[in-house]
């Protein structure tokens, strides 16, 4: 599950901004 989460957190938004912080925080909350 950790590997899958890492991949999801490594994705970038259409604007070209990395979404590692928001996703990482959500993953930790879950």
PDB file of N, CA and C in Angstrom:
ATOM      1  N   UNK A   1       0.840  -1.209   0.000  1.00  0.00           N
ATOM      2  CA  UNK A   1       0.000   0.000   0.000  1.00  0.00           C
ATOM      3  C   UNK A   1       0.870   1.252   0.000  1.00  0.00           C
ATOM      4  N   UNK A   2       2.010   1.167   0.664  1.00  0.00           N
ATOM      5  CA  UNK A   2       2.908   2.342   0.737  1.00  0.00           C
ATOM      6  C   UNK A   2       3.393   2.710  -0.672  1.00  0.00           C
ATOM      7  N   UNK A   3       3.722   1.693  -1.457  1.00  0.00           N
ATOM      8  CA  UNK A   3       4.225   1.945  -2.819  1.00  0.00           C
ATOM      9  C   UNK A   3       3.148   2.662  -3.636  1.00  0.00           C
ATOM     10  N   UNK A   4       1.936   2.182  -3.541  1.00  0.00           N
ATOM     11  CA  UNK A   4       0.826   2.793  -4.302  1.00  0.00           C
ATOM     12  C   UNK A   4       0.652   4.255  -3.877  1.00  0.00           C
ATOM     13  N   UNK A   5       0.682   4.497  -2.602  1.00  0.00           N
ATOM     14  CA  UNK A   5       0.501   5.869  -2.100  1.00  0.00           C
ATOM     15  C   UNK A   5       1.612   6.768  -2.642  1.00  0.00           C
ATOM     16  N   UNK A   6       2.828   6.267  -2.627  1.00  0.00           N
ATOM     17  CA  UNK A   6       3.956   7.064  -3.120  1.00  0.00           C
ATOM     18  C   UNK A   6       3.718   7.476  -4.570  1.00  0.00           C
ATOM     19  N   UNK A   7       3.217   6.552  -5.357  1.00  0.00           N
ATOM     20  CA  UNK A   7       2.980   6.867  -6.770  1.00  0.00           C
ATOM     21  C   UNK A   7       1.923   7.962  -6.896  1.00  0.00           C
ATOM     22  N   UNK A   8       0.872   7.846  -6.161  1.00  0.00           N
ATOM     23  CA  UNK A   8      -0.225   8.838  -6.219  1.00  0.00           C
ATOM     24  C   UNK A   8       0.298  10.211  -5.796  1.00  0.00           C
ATOM     25  N   UNK A   9       1.202  10.216  -4.844  1.00  0.00           N
ATOM     26  CA  UNK A   9       1.719  11.497  -4.340  1.00  0.00           C
ATOM     27  C   UNK A   9       2.717  12.081  -5.328  1.00  0.00           C
ATOM     28  N   UNK A  10       3.207  11.261  -6.236  1.00  0.00           N
ATOM     29  CA  UNK A  10       4.227  11.741  -7.172  1.00  0.00           C
ATOM     30  C   UNK A  10       3.575  12.344  -8.437  1.00  0.00           C
ATOM     31  N   UNK A  11       2.290  12.477  -8.464  1.00  0.00           N
ATOM     32  CA  UNK A  11       1.641  13.002  -9.672  1.00  0.00           C
ATOM     33  C   UNK A  11       1.642  14.537  -9.646  1.00  0.00           C
ATOM     34  N   UNK A  12       1.516  15.152 -10.831  1.00  0.00           N
ATOM     35  CA  UNK A  12       1.533  16.625 -10.888  1.00  0.00           C
ATOM     36  C   UNK A  12       0.199  17.148 -11.436  1.00  0.00           C
ATOM     37  N   UNK A  13      -0.173  18.327 -10.998  1.00  0.00           N
ATOM     38  CA  UNK A  13      -1.451  18.903 -11.436  1.00  0.00           C
ATOM     39  C   UNK A  13      -1.312  19.453 -12.859  1.00  0.00           C
ATOM     40  N   UNK A  14      -2.412  19.701 -13.518  1.00  0.00           N
ATOM     41  CA  UNK A  14      -2.402  20.238 -14.888  1.00  0.00           C
ATOM     42  C   UNK A  14      -1.678  21.584 -14.964  1.00  0.00           C
ATOM     43  N   UNK A  15      -1.598  22.251 -13.845  1.00  0.00           N
ATOM     44  CA  UNK A  15      -0.926  23.569 -13.827  1.00  0.00           C
ATOM     45  C   UNK A  15       0.588  23.395 -13.804  1.00  0.00           C
ATOM     46  N   UNK A  16       1.034  22.171 -13.508  1.00  0.00           N
ATOM     47  CA  UNK A  16       2.480  21.926 -13.465  1.00  0.00           C
ATOM     48  C   UNK A  16       3.020  22.059 -12.052  1.00  0.00           C
ATOM     49  N   UNK A  17       2.127  21.975 -11.066  1.00  0.00           N
ATOM     50  CA  UNK A  17       2.589  22.085  -9.665  1.00  0.00           C
ATOM     51  C   UNK A  17       2.565  20.711  -8.997  1.00  0.00           C
ATOM     52  N   UNK A  18       3.607  20.374  -8.286  1.00  0.00           N
ATOM     53  CA  UNK A  18       3.683  19.074  -7.598  1.00  0.00           C
ATOM     54  C   UNK A  18       2.701  18.988  -6.431  1.00  0.00           C
ATOM     55  N   UNK A  19       2.017  17.868  -6.334  1.00  0.00           N
ATOM     56  CA  UNK A  19       1.045  17.716  -5.228  1.00  0.00           C
ATOM     57  C   UNK A  19       1.551  16.672  -4.242  1.00  0.00           C
ATOM     58  N   UNK A  20       2.706  16.948  -3.643  1.00  0.00           N
ATOM     59  CA  UNK A  20       3.293  15.982  -2.700  1.00  0.00           C
ATOM     60  C   UNK A  20       2.873  16.293  -1.272  1.00  0.00           C
ATOM     61  N   UNK A  21       2.691  17.572  -0.967  1.00  0.00           N
ATOM     62  CA  UNK A  21       2.352  17.948   0.420  1.00  0.00           C
ATOM     63  C   UNK A  21       0.895  17.602   0.758  1.00  0.00           C
ATOM     64  N   UNK A  22      -0.069  18.084  -0.024  1.00  0.00           N
ATOM     65  CA  UNK A  22      -1.482  17.817   0.277  1.00  0.00           C
ATOM     66  C   UNK A  22      -1.768  16.320   0.310  1.00  0.00           C
ATOM     67  N   UNK A  23      -1.253  15.599  -0.685  1.00  0.00           N
ATOM     68  CA  UNK A  23      -1.515  14.163  -0.745  1.00  0.00           C
ATOM     69  C   UNK A  23      -0.850  13.452   0.424  1.00  0.00           C
ATOM     70  N   UNK A  24       0.349  13.875   0.739  1.00  0.00           N
ATOM     71  CA  UNK A  24       1.103  13.232   1.833  1.00  0.00           C
ATOM     72  C   UNK A  24       0.335  13.440   3.147  1.00  0.00           C
ATOM     73  N   UNK A  25      -0.193  14.628   3.340  1.00  0.00           N
ATOM     74  CA  UNK A  25      -0.917  14.907   4.598  1.00  0.00           C
ATOM     75  C   UNK A  25      -2.174  14.037   4.664  1.00  0.00           C
ATOM     76  N   UNK A  26      -2.865  13.935   3.538  1.00  0.00           N
ATOM     77  CA  UNK A  26      -4.100  13.127   3.510  1.00  0.00           C
ATOM     78  C   UNK A  26      -3.759  11.662   3.792  1.00  0.00           C
ATOM     79  N   UNK A  27      -2.722  11.180   3.147  1.00  0.00           N
ATOM     80  CA  UNK A  27      -2.326   9.772   3.334  1.00  0.00           C
ATOM     81  C   UNK A  27      -2.023   9.505   4.805  1.00  0.00           C
ATOM     82  N   UNK A  28      -1.352  10.431   5.448  1.00  0.00           N
ATOM     83  CA  UNK A  28      -0.984  10.223   6.874  1.00  0.00           C
ATOM     84  C   UNK A  28      -2.267  10.256   7.715  1.00  0.00           C
ATOM     85  N   UNK A  29      -3.192  11.104   7.351  1.00  0.00           N
ATOM     86  CA  UNK A  29      -4.438  11.204   8.134  1.00  0.00           C
ATOM     87  C   UNK A  29      -5.195   9.871   8.067  1.00  0.00           C
ATOM     88  N   UNK A  30      -5.225   9.269   6.878  1.00  0.00           N
ATOM     89  CA  UNK A  30      -5.959   8.010   6.693  1.00  0.00           C
ATOM     90  C   UNK A  30      -5.293   6.937   7.535  1.00  0.00           C
TER      91      UNK A  30
END
